[in-house]
Amino acid sequence: MRALMTKYGITQAKLAAYAGTSQSSISKYLSGTQEPNANVLANIATALHTTSANLLGKPEPTIVTPFGFIKEYCARHGGELSEAEVSELITTLLKAREKRNDQTR
């Protein structure tokens, strides 16, 4: 958690505000003396661009499809993408489909 906070420049105070908890609670989570409830954990994961499972050191759950991780990530973090990023993602997917269709003709 601390490494992700550093990576994204998120202070304990900012993380606490985003997660809906206190800065002292974040400090306790970091020291391992307290664990967040499920809602706070989910909010922390979103703020740190990861999943609750990752923060807990568990294997990432995936939707059972060849693109499950990507779909799951987009569902969780899609709201954070700019319009340009959404457009680029859609364009990339459409180009890949077009390329596949051209190859099967």
PDB file of N, CA and C in Angstrom:
ATOM      1  N   MET A   1       0.819  -1.177   0.000  1.00  0.00           N
ATOM      2  CA  MET A   1       0.000   0.000   0.000  1.00  0.00           C
ATOM      3  C   MET A   1       0.873   1.254   0.000  1.00  0.00           C
ATOM      4  N   ARG A   2       1.880   1.225   0.816  1.00  0.00           N
ATOM      5  CA  ARG A   2       2.771   2.385   0.912  1.00  0.00           C
ATOM      6  C   ARG A   2       3.461   2.653  -0.434  1.00  0.00           C
ATOM      7  N   ALA A   3       3.887   1.589  -1.106  1.00  0.00           N
ATOM      8  CA  ALA A   3       4.560   1.749  -2.399  1.00  0.00           C
ATOM      9  C   ALA A   3       3.629   2.381  -3.426  1.00  0.00           C
ATOM     10  N   LEU A   4       2.365   1.979  -3.417  1.00  0.00           N
ATOM     11  CA  LEU A   4       1.406   2.556  -4.358  1.00  0.00           C
ATOM     12  C   LEU A   4       1.101   4.010  -4.014  1.00  0.00           C
ATOM     13  N   MET A   5       1.064   4.321  -2.738  1.00  0.00           N
ATOM     14  CA  MET A   5       0.856   5.712  -2.325  1.00  0.00           C
ATOM     15  C   MET A   5       1.998   6.578  -2.860  1.00  0.00           C
ATOM     16  N   THR A   6       3.214   6.077  -2.725  1.00  0.00           N
ATOM     17  CA  THR A   6       4.380   6.810  -3.215  1.00  0.00           C
ATOM     18  C   THR A   6       4.327   6.936  -4.738  1.00  0.00           C
ATOM     19  N   LYS A   7       4.016   5.848  -5.398  1.00  0.00           N
ATOM     20  CA  LYS A   7       3.953   5.832  -6.863  1.00  0.00           C
ATOM     21  C   LYS A   7       2.992   6.891  -7.391  1.00  0.00           C
ATOM     22  N   TYR A   8       1.835   7.036  -6.746  1.00  0.00           N
ATOM     23  CA  TYR A   8       0.815   7.960  -7.229  1.00  0.00           C
ATOM     24  C   TYR A   8       0.806   9.296  -6.486  1.00  0.00           C
ATOM     25  N   GLY A   9       1.766   9.495  -5.597  1.00  0.00           N
ATOM     26  CA  GLY A   9       1.859  10.771  -4.882  1.00  0.00           C
ATOM     27  C   GLY A   9       0.675  11.040  -3.976  1.00  0.00           C
ATOM     28  N   ILE A  10       0.174  10.002  -3.343  1.00  0.00           N
ATOM     29  CA  ILE A  10      -0.996  10.126  -2.479  1.00  0.00           C
ATOM     30  C   ILE A  10      -0.552  10.100  -1.020  1.00  0.00           C
ATOM     31  N   THR A  11      -0.872  11.147  -0.289  1.00  0.00           N
ATOM     32  CA  THR A  11      -0.531  11.218   1.134  1.00  0.00           C
ATOM     33  C   THR A  11      -1.561  10.447   1.951  1.00  0.00           C
ATOM     34  N   GLN A  12      -1.229  10.205   3.208  1.00  0.00           N
ATOM     35  CA  GLN A  12      -2.181   9.542   4.097  1.00  0.00           C
ATOM     36  C   GLN A  12      -3.467  10.360   4.208  1.00  0.00           C
ATOM     37  N   ALA A  13      -3.335  11.675   4.273  1.00  0.00           N
ATOM     38  CA  ALA A  13      -4.513  12.545   4.395  1.00  0.00           C
ATOM     39  C   ALA A  13      -5.402  12.441   3.152  1.00  0.00           C
ATOM     40  N   LYS A  14      -4.782  12.459   1.964  1.00  0.00           N
ATOM     41  CA  LYS A  14      -5.554  12.342   0.726  1.00  0.00           C
ATOM     42  C   LYS A  14      -6.234  10.982   0.629  1.00  0.00           C
ATOM     43  N   LEU A  15      -5.491   9.940   0.988  1.00  0.00           N
ATOM     44  CA  LEU A  15      -6.049   8.596   0.929  1.00  0.00           C
ATOM     45  C   LEU A  15      -7.204   8.451   1.910  1.00  0.00           C
ATOM     46  N   ALA A  16      -7.047   9.005   3.089  1.00  0.00           N
ATOM     47  CA  ALA A  16      -8.113   8.959   4.089  1.00  0.00           C
ATOM     48  C   ALA A  16      -9.372   9.648   3.580  1.00  0.00           C
ATOM     49  N   ALA A  17      -9.206  10.817   2.970  1.00  0.00           N
ATOM     50  CA  ALA A  17     -10.356  11.554   2.446  1.00  0.00           C
ATOM     51  C   ALA A  17     -11.057  10.758   1.346  1.00  0.00           C
ATOM     52  N   TYR A  18     -10.284  10.163   0.463  1.00  0.00           N
ATOM     53  CA  TYR A  18     -10.856   9.388  -0.629  1.00  0.00           C
ATOM     54  C   TYR A  18     -11.556   8.128  -0.108  1.00  0.00           C
ATOM     55  N   ALA A  19     -10.950   7.508   0.892  1.00  0.00           N
ATOM     56  CA  ALA A  19     -11.474   6.235   1.407  1.00  0.00           C
ATOM     57  C   ALA A  19     -12.626   6.410   2.388  1.00  0.00           C
ATOM     58  N   GLY A  20     -12.827   7.636   2.854  1.00  0.00           N
ATOM     59  CA  GLY A  20     -13.904   7.866   3.806  1.00  0.00           C
ATOM     60  C   GLY A  20     -13.553   7.421   5.213  1.00  0.00           C
ATOM     61  N   THR A  21     -12.307   7.626   5.579  1.00  0.00           N
ATOM     62  CA  THR A  21     -11.850   7.251   6.916  1.00  0.00           C
ATOM     63  C   THR A  21     -10.898   8.345   7.417  1.00  0.00           C
ATOM     64  N   SER A  22     -10.306   8.118   8.563  1.00  0.00           N
ATOM     65  CA  SER A  22      -9.405   9.123   9.135  1.00  0.00           C
ATOM     66  C   SER A  22      -7.951   8.836   8.760  1.00  0.00           C
ATOM     67  N   GLN A  23      -7.148   9.871   8.870  1.00  0.00           N
ATOM     68  CA  GLN A  23      -5.716   9.703   8.607  1.00  0.00           C
ATOM     69  C   GLN A  23      -5.101   8.752   9.627  1.00  0.00           C
ATOM     70  N   SER A  24      -5.566   8.803  10.867  1.00  0.00           N
ATOM     71  CA  SER A  24      -5.020   7.888  11.880  1.00  0.00           C
ATOM     72  C   SER A  24      -5.352   6.434  11.535  1.00  0.00           C
ATOM     73  N   SER A  25      -6.521   6.202  10.925  1.00  0.00           N
ATOM     74  CA  SER A  25      -6.855   4.836  10.509  1.00  0.00           C
ATOM     75  C   SER A  25      -5.923   4.373   9.396  1.00  0.00           C
ATOM     76  N   ILE A  26      -5.636   5.259   8.439  1.00  0.00           N
ATOM     77  CA  ILE A  26      -4.701   4.906   7.367  1.00  0.00           C
ATOM     78  C   ILE A  26      -3.350   4.546   7.969  1.00  0.00           C
ATOM     79  N   SER A  27      -2.915   5.306   8.932  1.00  0.00           N
ATOM     80  CA  SER A  27      -1.648   5.030   9.603  1.00  0.00           C
ATOM     81  C   SER A  27      -1.672   3.651  10.248  1.00  0.00           C
ATOM     82  N   LYS A  28      -2.785   3.303  10.863  1.00  0.00           N
ATOM     83  CA  LYS A  28      -2.920   1.979  11.496  1.00  0.00           C
ATOM     84  C   LYS A  28      -2.940   0.870  10.457  1.00  0.00           C
ATOM     85  N   TYR A  29      -3.584   1.120   9.302  1.00  0.00           N
ATOM     86  CA  TYR A  29      -3.587   0.112   8.235  1.00  0.00           C
ATOM     87  C   TYR A  29      -2.163  -0.124   7.746  1.00  0.00           C
ATOM     88  N   LEU A  30      -1.417   0.965   7.588  1.00  0.00           N
ATOM     89  CA  LEU A  30      -0.037   0.852   7.104  1.00  0.00           C
ATOM     90  C   LEU A  30       0.860   0.122   8.098  1.00  0.00           C
ATOM     91  N   SER A  31       0.609   0.319   9.384  1.00  0.00           N
ATOM     92  CA  SER A  31       1.438  -0.341  10.397  1.00  0.00           C
ATOM     93  C   SER A  31       0.976  -1.764  10.686  1.00  0.00           C
ATOM     94  N   GLY A  32      -0.209  -2.117  10.201  1.00  0.00           N
ATOM     95  CA  GLY A  32      -0.730  -3.464  10.417  1.00  0.00           C
ATOM     96  C   GLY A  32      -1.433  -3.654  11.740  1.00  0.00           C
ATOM     97  N   THR A  33      -1.716  -2.580  12.447  1.00  0.00           N
ATOM     98  CA  THR A  33      -2.386  -2.706  13.741  1.00  0.00           C
ATOM     99  C   THR A  33      -3.907  -2.691  13.619  1.00  0.00           C
ATOM    100  N   GLN A  34      -4.403  -2.362  12.434  1.00  0.00           N
ATOM    101  CA  GLN A  34      -5.846  -2.334  12.198  1.00  0.00           C
ATOM    102  C   GLN A  34      -6.089  -2.682  10.743  1.00  0.00           C
ATOM    103  N   GLU A  35      -7.242  -3.287  10.460  1.00  0.00           N
ATOM    104  CA  GLU A  35      -7.605  -3.607   9.084  1.00  0.00           C
ATOM    105  C   GLU A  35      -8.852  -2.834   8.698  1.00  0.00           C
ATOM    106  N   PRO A  36      -8.927  -2.353   7.468  1.00  0.00           N
ATOM    107  CA  PRO A  36     -10.102  -1.607   7.029  1.00  0.00           C
ATOM    108  C   PRO A  36     -11.294  -2.533   6.783  1.00  0.00           C
ATOM    109  N   ASN A  37     -12.500  -1.965   6.887  1.00  0.00           N
ATOM    110  CA  ASN A  37     -13.670  -2.756   6.518  1.00  0.00           C
ATOM    111  C   ASN A  37     -13.709  -2.855   4.990  1.00  0.00           C
ATOM    112  N   ALA A  38     -14.619  -3.652   4.468  1.00  0.00           N
ATOM    113  CA  ALA A  38     -14.658  -3.932   3.034  1.00  0.00           C
ATOM    114  C   ALA A  38     -14.847  -2.673   2.195  1.00  0.00           C
ATOM    115  N   ASN A  39     -15.727  -1.769   2.621  1.00  0.00           N
ATOM    116  CA  ASN A  39     -15.973  -0.551   1.844  1.00  0.00           C
ATOM    117  C   ASN A  39     -14.740   0.344   1.806  1.00  0.00           C
ATOM    118  N   VAL A  40     -14.108   0.517   2.933  1.00  0.00           N
ATOM    119  CA  VAL A  40     -12.901   1.347   2.992  1.00  0.00           C
ATOM    120  C   VAL A  40     -11.797   0.703   2.157  1.00  0.00           C
ATOM    121  N   LEU A  41     -11.655  -0.595   2.256  1.00  0.00           N
ATOM    122  CA  LEU A  41     -10.642  -1.308   1.474  1.00  0.00           C
ATOM    123  C   LEU A  41     -10.875  -1.115  -0.025  1.00  0.00           C
ATOM    124  N   ALA A  42     -12.119  -1.216  -0.456  1.00  0.00           N
ATOM    125  CA  ALA A  42     -12.441  -1.016  -1.873  1.00  0.00           C
ATOM    126  C   ALA A  42     -12.112   0.414  -2.305  1.00  0.00           C
ATOM    127  N   ASN A  43     -12.409   1.380  -1.462  1.00  0.00           N
ATOM    128  CA  ASN A  43     -12.095   2.780  -1.787  1.00  0.00           C
ATOM    129  C   ASN A  43     -10.591   3.017  -1.856  1.00  0.00           C
ATOM    130  N   ILE A  44      -9.865   2.402  -0.941  1.00  0.00           N
ATOM    131  CA  ILE A  44      -8.397   2.521  -0.959  1.00  0.00           C
ATOM    132  C   ILE A  44      -7.851   1.906  -2.242  1.00  0.00           C
ATOM    133  N   ALA A  45      -8.354   0.732  -2.594  1.00  0.00           N
ATOM    134  CA  ALA A  45      -7.894   0.058  -3.812  1.00  0.00           C
ATOM    135  C   ALA A  45      -8.137   0.926  -5.042  1.00  0.00           C
ATOM    136  N   THR A  46      -9.313   1.531  -5.116  1.00  0.00           N
ATOM    137  CA  THR A  46      -9.624   2.398  -6.257  1.00  0.00           C
ATOM    138  C   THR A  46      -8.679   3.589  -6.296  1.00  0.00           C
ATOM    139  N   ALA A  47      -8.463   4.213  -5.151  1.00  0.00           N
ATOM    140  CA  ALA A  47      -7.565   5.382  -5.092  1.00  0.00           C
ATOM    141  C   ALA A  47      -6.150   5.014  -5.510  1.00  0.00           C
ATOM    142  N   LEU A  48      -5.740   3.786  -5.233  1.00  0.00           N
ATOM    143  CA  LEU A  48      -4.380   3.340  -5.535  1.00  0.00           C
ATOM    144  C   LEU A  48      -4.285   2.569  -6.855  1.00  0.00           C
ATOM    145  N   HIS A  49      -5.364   2.605  -7.638  1.00  0.00           N
ATOM    146  CA  HIS A  49      -5.387   1.979  -8.967  1.00  0.00           C
ATOM    147  C   HIS A  49      -5.045   0.494  -8.909  1.00  0.00           C
ATOM    148  N   THR A  50      -5.654  -0.190  -7.962  1.00  0.00           N
ATOM    149  CA  THR A  50      -5.419  -1.625  -7.817  1.00  0.00           C
ATOM    150  C   THR A  50      -6.720  -2.268  -7.353  1.00  0.00           C
ATOM    151  N   THR A  51      -6.635  -3.481  -6.862  1.00  0.00           N
ATOM    152  CA  THR A  51      -7.818  -4.185  -6.371  1.00  0.00           C
ATOM    153  C   THR A  51      -7.658  -4.496  -4.886  1.00  0.00           C
ATOM    154  N   SER A  52      -8.777  -4.776  -4.264  1.00  0.00           N
ATOM    155  CA  SER A  52      -8.745  -5.185  -2.861  1.00  0.00           C
ATOM    156  C   SER A  52      -7.925  -6.461  -2.702  1.00  0.00           C
ATOM    157  N   ALA A  53      -8.103  -7.389  -3.626  1.00  0.00           N
ATOM    158  CA  ALA A  53      -7.355  -8.652  -3.564  1.00  0.00           C
ATOM    159  C   ALA A  53      -5.859  -8.389  -3.583  1.00  0.00           C
ATOM    160  N   ASN A  54      -5.420  -7.488  -4.432  1.00  0.00           N
ATOM    161  CA  ASN A  54      -3.999  -7.164  -4.514  1.00  0.00           C
ATOM    162  C   ASN A  54      -3.515  -6.595  -3.184  1.00  0.00           C
ATOM    163  N   LEU A  55      -4.276  -5.670  -2.607  1.00  0.00           N
ATOM    164  CA  LEU A  55      -3.875  -5.078  -1.328  1.00  0.00           C
ATOM    165  C   LEU A  55      -3.795  -6.133  -0.221  1.00  0.00           C
ATOM    166  N   LEU A  56      -4.641  -7.152  -0.320  1.00  0.00           N
ATOM    167  CA  LEU A  56      -4.647  -8.215   0.688  1.00  0.00           C
ATOM    168  C   LEU A  56      -3.637  -9.316   0.383  1.00  0.00           C
ATOM    169  N   GLY A  57      -2.927  -9.189  -0.745  1.00  0.00           N
ATOM    170  CA  GLY A  57      -1.929 -10.187  -1.115  1.00  0.00           C
ATOM    171  C   GLY A  57      -2.532 -11.476  -1.625  1.00  0.00           C
ATOM    172  N   LYS A  58      -3.738 -11.392  -2.160  1.00  0.00           N
ATOM    173  CA  LYS A  58      -4.425 -12.584  -2.678  1.00  0.00           C
ATOM    174  C   LYS A  58      -4.402 -12.563  -4.198  1.00  0.00           C
ATOM    175  N   PRO A  59      -4.609 -13.717  -4.826  1.00  0.00           N
ATOM    176  CA  PRO A  59      -4.643 -13.758  -6.292  1.00  0.00           C
ATOM    177  C   PRO A  59      -5.778 -12.875  -6.810  1.00  0.00           C
ATOM    178  N   GLU A  60      -5.536 -12.262  -7.947  1.00  0.00           N
ATOM    179  CA  GLU A  60      -6.541 -11.399  -8.546  1.00  0.00           C
ATOM    180  C   GLU A  60      -7.711 -12.224  -9.063  1.00  0.00           C
ATOM    181  N   PRO A  61      -8.939 -11.874  -8.663  1.00  0.00           N
ATOM    182  CA  PRO A  61     -10.083 -12.556  -9.267  1.00  0.00           C
ATOM    183  C   PRO A  61     -10.246 -12.048 -10.692  1.00  0.00           C
ATOM    184  N   THR A  62     -10.685 -12.909 -11.570  1.00  0.00           N
ATOM    185  CA  THR A  62     -10.890 -12.473 -12.941  1.00  0.00           C
ATOM    186  C   THR A  62     -12.230 -12.955 -13.439  1.00  0.00           C
ATOM    187  N   ILE A  63     -12.777 -12.222 -14.353  1.00  0.00           N
ATOM    188  CA  ILE A  63     -13.988 -12.632 -15.037  1.00  0.00           C
ATOM    189  C   ILE A  63     -13.553 -13.722 -16.009  1.00  0.00           C
ATOM    190  N   VAL A  64     -14.329 -14.791 -16.127  1.00  0.00           N
ATOM    191  CA  VAL A  64     -13.918 -15.933 -16.926  1.00  0.00           C
ATOM    192  C   VAL A  64     -14.164 -15.665 -18.407  1.00  0.00           C
ATOM    193  N   THR A  65     -13.222 -14.982 -19.022  1.00  0.00           N
ATOM    194  CA  THR A  65     -13.179 -14.751 -20.460  1.00  0.00           C
ATOM    195  C   THR A  65     -11.712 -14.572 -20.818  1.00  0.00           C
ATOM    196  N   PRO A  66     -11.372 -14.674 -22.078  1.00  0.00           N
ATOM    197  CA  PRO A  66      -9.977 -14.452 -22.453  1.00  0.00           C
ATOM    198  C   PRO A  66      -9.494 -13.045 -22.106  1.00  0.00           C
ATOM    199  N   PHE A  67     -10.411 -12.098 -22.005  1.00  0.00           N
ATOM    200  CA  PHE A  67     -10.041 -10.719 -21.720  1.00  0.00           C
ATOM    201  C   PHE A  67     -10.549 -10.282 -20.353  1.00  0.00           C
ATOM    202  N   GLY A  68     -10.759 -11.250 -19.465  1.00  0.00           N
ATOM    203  CA  GLY A  68     -11.360 -10.984 -18.156  1.00  0.00           C
ATOM    204  C   GLY A  68     -10.682  -9.901 -17.355  1.00  0.00           C
ATOM    205  N   PHE A  69      -9.345  -9.944 -17.248  1.00  0.00           N
ATOM    206  CA  PHE A  69      -8.643  -8.952 -16.441  1.00  0.00           C
ATOM    207  C   PHE A  69      -8.847  -7.559 -17.009  1.00  0.00           C
ATOM    208  N   ILE A  70      -8.766  -7.446 -18.329  1.00  0.00           N
ATOM    209  CA  ILE A  70      -8.933  -6.144 -18.967  1.00  0.00           C
ATOM    210  C   ILE A  70     -10.343  -5.616 -18.724  1.00  0.00           C
ATOM    211  N   LYS A  71     -11.328  -6.476 -18.892  1.00  0.00           N
ATOM    212  CA  LYS A  71     -12.715  -6.066 -18.674  1.00  0.00           C
ATOM    213  C   LYS A  71     -12.934  -5.647 -17.228  1.00  0.00           C
ATOM    214  N   GLU A  72     -12.395  -6.419 -16.311  1.00  0.00           N
ATOM    215  CA  GLU A  72     -12.533  -6.108 -14.888  1.00  0.00           C
ATOM    216  C   GLU A  72     -11.853  -4.784 -14.556  1.00  0.00           C
ATOM    217  N   TYR A  73     -10.665  -4.567 -15.089  1.00  0.00           N
ATOM    218  CA  TYR A  73      -9.936  -3.326 -14.844  1.00  0.00           C
ATOM    219  C   TYR A  73     -10.713  -2.129 -15.391  1.00  0.00           C
ATOM    220  N   CYS A  74     -11.230  -2.260 -16.608  1.00  0.00           N
ATOM    221  CA  CYS A  74     -11.999  -1.162 -17.206  1.00  0.00           C
ATOM    222  C   CYS A  74     -13.255  -0.872 -16.401  1.00  0.00           C
ATOM    223  N   ALA A  75     -13.906  -1.902 -15.911  1.00  0.00           N
ATOM    224  CA  ALA A  75     -15.111  -1.696 -15.111  1.00  0.00           C
ATOM    225  C   ALA A  75     -14.780  -0.952 -13.824  1.00  0.00           C
ATOM    226  N   ARG A  76     -13.651  -1.259 -13.233  1.00  0.00           N
ATOM    227  CA  ARG A  76     -13.276  -0.641 -11.961  1.00  0.00           C
ATOM    228  C   ARG A  76     -12.699   0.764 -12.131  1.00  0.00           C
ATOM    229  N   HIS A  77     -11.899   0.966 -13.181  1.00  0.00           N
ATOM    230  CA  HIS A  77     -11.166   2.223 -13.322  1.00  0.00           C
ATOM    231  C   HIS A  77     -11.612   3.075 -14.513  1.00  0.00           C
ATOM    232  N   GLY A  78     -12.613   2.631 -15.248  1.00  0.00           N
ATOM    233  CA  GLY A  78     -13.051   3.358 -16.435  1.00  0.00           C
ATOM    234  C   GLY A  78     -13.461   4.792 -16.156  1.00  0.00           C
ATOM    235  N   GLY A  79     -14.017   5.041 -14.993  1.00  0.00           N
ATOM    236  CA  GLY A  79     -14.439   6.389 -14.640  1.00  0.00           C
ATOM    237  C   GLY A  79     -13.287   7.358 -14.482  1.00  0.00           C
ATOM    238  N   GLU A  80     -12.081   6.841 -14.329  1.00  0.00           N
ATOM    239  CA  GLU A  80     -10.902   7.681 -14.157  1.00  0.00           C
ATOM    240  C   GLU A  80     -10.275   8.086 -15.489  1.00  0.00           C
ATOM    241  N   LEU A  81     -10.728   7.463 -16.591  1.00  0.00           N
ATOM    242  CA  LEU A  81     -10.145   7.738 -17.897  1.00  0.00           C
ATOM    243  C   LEU A  81     -10.704   9.036 -18.469  1.00  0.00           C
ATOM    244  N   SER A  82      -9.858   9.765 -19.145  1.00  0.00           N
ATOM    245  CA  SER A  82     -10.308  10.976 -19.837  1.00  0.00           C
ATOM    246  C   SER A  82     -11.082  10.562 -21.084  1.00  0.00           C
ATOM    247  N   GLU A  83     -11.776  11.515 -21.685  1.00  0.00           N
ATOM    248  CA  GLU A  83     -12.500  11.229 -22.929  1.00  0.00           C
ATOM    249  C   GLU A  83     -11.536  10.756 -24.010  1.00  0.00           C
ATOM    250  N   ALA A  84     -10.372  11.368 -24.075  1.00  0.00           N
ATOM    251  CA  ALA A  84      -9.375  10.983 -25.067  1.00  0.00           C
ATOM    252  C   ALA A  84      -8.892   9.551 -24.838  1.00  0.00           C
ATOM    253  N   GLU A  85      -8.689   9.174 -23.585  1.00  0.00           N
ATOM    254  CA  GLU A  85      -8.241   7.811 -23.273  1.00  0.00           C
ATOM    255  C   GLU A  85      -9.323   6.789 -23.607  1.00  0.00           C
ATOM    256  N   VAL A  86     -10.579   7.118 -23.325  1.00  0.00           N
ATOM    257  CA  VAL A  86     -11.684   6.219 -23.670  1.00  0.00           C
ATOM    258  C   VAL A  86     -11.754   6.048 -25.179  1.00  0.00           C
ATOM    259  N   SER A  87     -11.635   7.146 -25.901  1.00  0.00           N
ATOM    260  CA  SER A  87     -11.663   7.100 -27.357  1.00  0.00           C
ATOM    261  C   SER A  87     -10.527   6.251 -27.902  1.00  0.00           C
ATOM    262  N   GLU A  88      -9.329   6.420 -27.334  1.00  0.00           N
ATOM    263  CA  GLU A  88      -8.171   5.641 -27.776  1.00  0.00           C
ATOM    264  C   GLU A  88      -8.379   4.154 -27.509  1.00  0.00           C
ATOM    265  N   LEU A  89      -8.927   3.825 -26.369  1.00  0.00           N
ATOM    266  CA  LEU A  89      -9.177   2.425 -26.025  1.00  0.00           C
ATOM    267  C   LEU A  89     -10.182   1.807 -26.993  1.00  0.00           C
ATOM    268  N   ILE A  90     -11.264   2.506 -27.261  1.00  0.00           N
ATOM    269  CA  ILE A  90     -12.282   2.000 -28.179  1.00  0.00           C
ATOM    270  C   ILE A  90     -11.706   1.858 -29.583  1.00  0.00           C
ATOM    271  N   THR A  91     -10.951   2.856 -30.023  1.00  0.00           N
ATOM    272  CA  THR A  91     -10.337   2.807 -31.344  1.00  0.00           C
ATOM    273  C   THR A  91      -9.383   1.616 -31.461  1.00  0.00           C
ATOM    274  N   THR A  92      -8.612   1.366 -30.427  1.00  0.00           N
ATOM    275  CA  THR A  92      -7.691   0.232 -30.418  1.00  0.00           C
ATOM    276  C   THR A  92      -8.444  -1.088 -30.560  1.00  0.00           C
ATOM    277  N   LEU A  93      -9.538  -1.227 -29.824  1.00  0.00           N
ATOM    278  CA  LEU A  93     -10.346  -2.450 -29.899  1.00  0.00           C
ATOM    279  C   LEU A  93     -10.962  -2.624 -31.284  1.00  0.00           C
ATOM    280  N   LEU A  94     -11.481  -1.540 -31.844  1.00  0.00           N
ATOM    281  CA  LEU A  94     -12.098  -1.622 -33.170  1.00  0.00           C
ATOM    282  C   LEU A  94     -11.074  -1.939 -34.251  1.00  0.00           C
ATOM    283  N   LYS A  95      -9.875  -1.378 -34.152  1.00  0.00           N
ATOM    284  CA  LYS A  95      -8.818  -1.682 -35.123  1.00  0.00           C
ATOM    285  C   LYS A  95      -8.406  -3.150 -35.042  1.00  0.00           C
ATOM    286  N   ALA A  96      -8.329  -3.684 -33.827  1.00  0.00           N
ATOM    287  CA  ALA A  96      -7.974  -5.095 -33.656  1.00  0.00           C
ATOM    288  C   ALA A  96      -9.047  -5.993 -34.266  1.00  0.00           C
ATOM    289  N   ARG A  97     -10.302  -5.626 -34.091  1.00  0.00           N
ATOM    290  CA  ARG A  97     -11.396  -6.416 -34.667  1.00  0.00           C
ATOM    291  C   ARG A  97     -11.345  -6.343 -36.190  1.00  0.00           C
ATOM    292  N   GLU A  98     -11.105  -5.144 -36.705  1.00  0.00           N
ATOM    293  CA  GLU A  98     -11.021  -4.959 -38.147  1.00  0.00           C
ATOM    294  C   GLU A  98      -9.877  -5.787 -38.731  1.00  0.00           C
ATOM    295  N   LYS A  99      -8.743  -5.788 -38.061  1.00  0.00           N
ATOM    296  CA  LYS A  99      -7.583  -6.564 -38.510  1.00  0.00           C
ATOM    297  C   LYS A  99      -7.914  -8.056 -38.514  1.00  0.00           C
ATOM    298  N   ARG A 100      -8.574  -8.525 -37.453  1.00  0.00           N
ATOM    299  CA  ARG A 100      -8.962  -9.931 -37.368  1.00  0.00           C
ATOM    300  C   ARG A 100      -9.921 -10.291 -38.508  1.00  0.00           C
ATOM    301  N   ASN A 101     -10.886  -9.407 -38.756  1.00  0.00           N
ATOM    302  CA  ASN A 101     -11.858  -9.662 -39.832  1.00  0.00           C
ATOM    303  C   ASN A 101     -11.180  -9.692 -41.193  1.00  0.00           C
ATOM    304  N   ASP A 102     -10.198  -8.821 -41.410  1.00  0.00           N
ATOM    305  CA  ASP A 102      -9.464  -8.807 -42.673  1.00  0.00           C
ATOM    306  C   ASP A 102      -8.681 -10.104 -42.879  1.00  0.00           C
ATOM    307  N   GLN A 103      -8.152 -10.648 -41.791  1.00  0.00           N
ATOM    308  CA  GLN A 103      -7.347 -11.866 -41.870  1.00  0.00           C
ATOM    309  C   GLN A 103      -8.199 -13.101 -42.128  1.00  0.00           C
ATOM    310  N   THR A 104      -9.464 -13.062 -41.744  1.00  0.00           N
ATOM    311  CA  THR A 104     -10.321 -14.236 -41.915  1.00  0.00           C
ATOM    312  C   THR A 104     -11.049 -14.217 -43.253  1.00  0.00           C
ATOM    313  N   ARG A 105     -10.907 -13.149 -44.024  1.00  0.00           N
ATOM    314  CA  ARG A 105     -11.586 -13.077 -45.341  1.00  0.00           C
ATOM    315  C   ARG A 105     -10.837 -13.822 -46.386  1.00  0.00           C
TER     316      ARG A 105
END
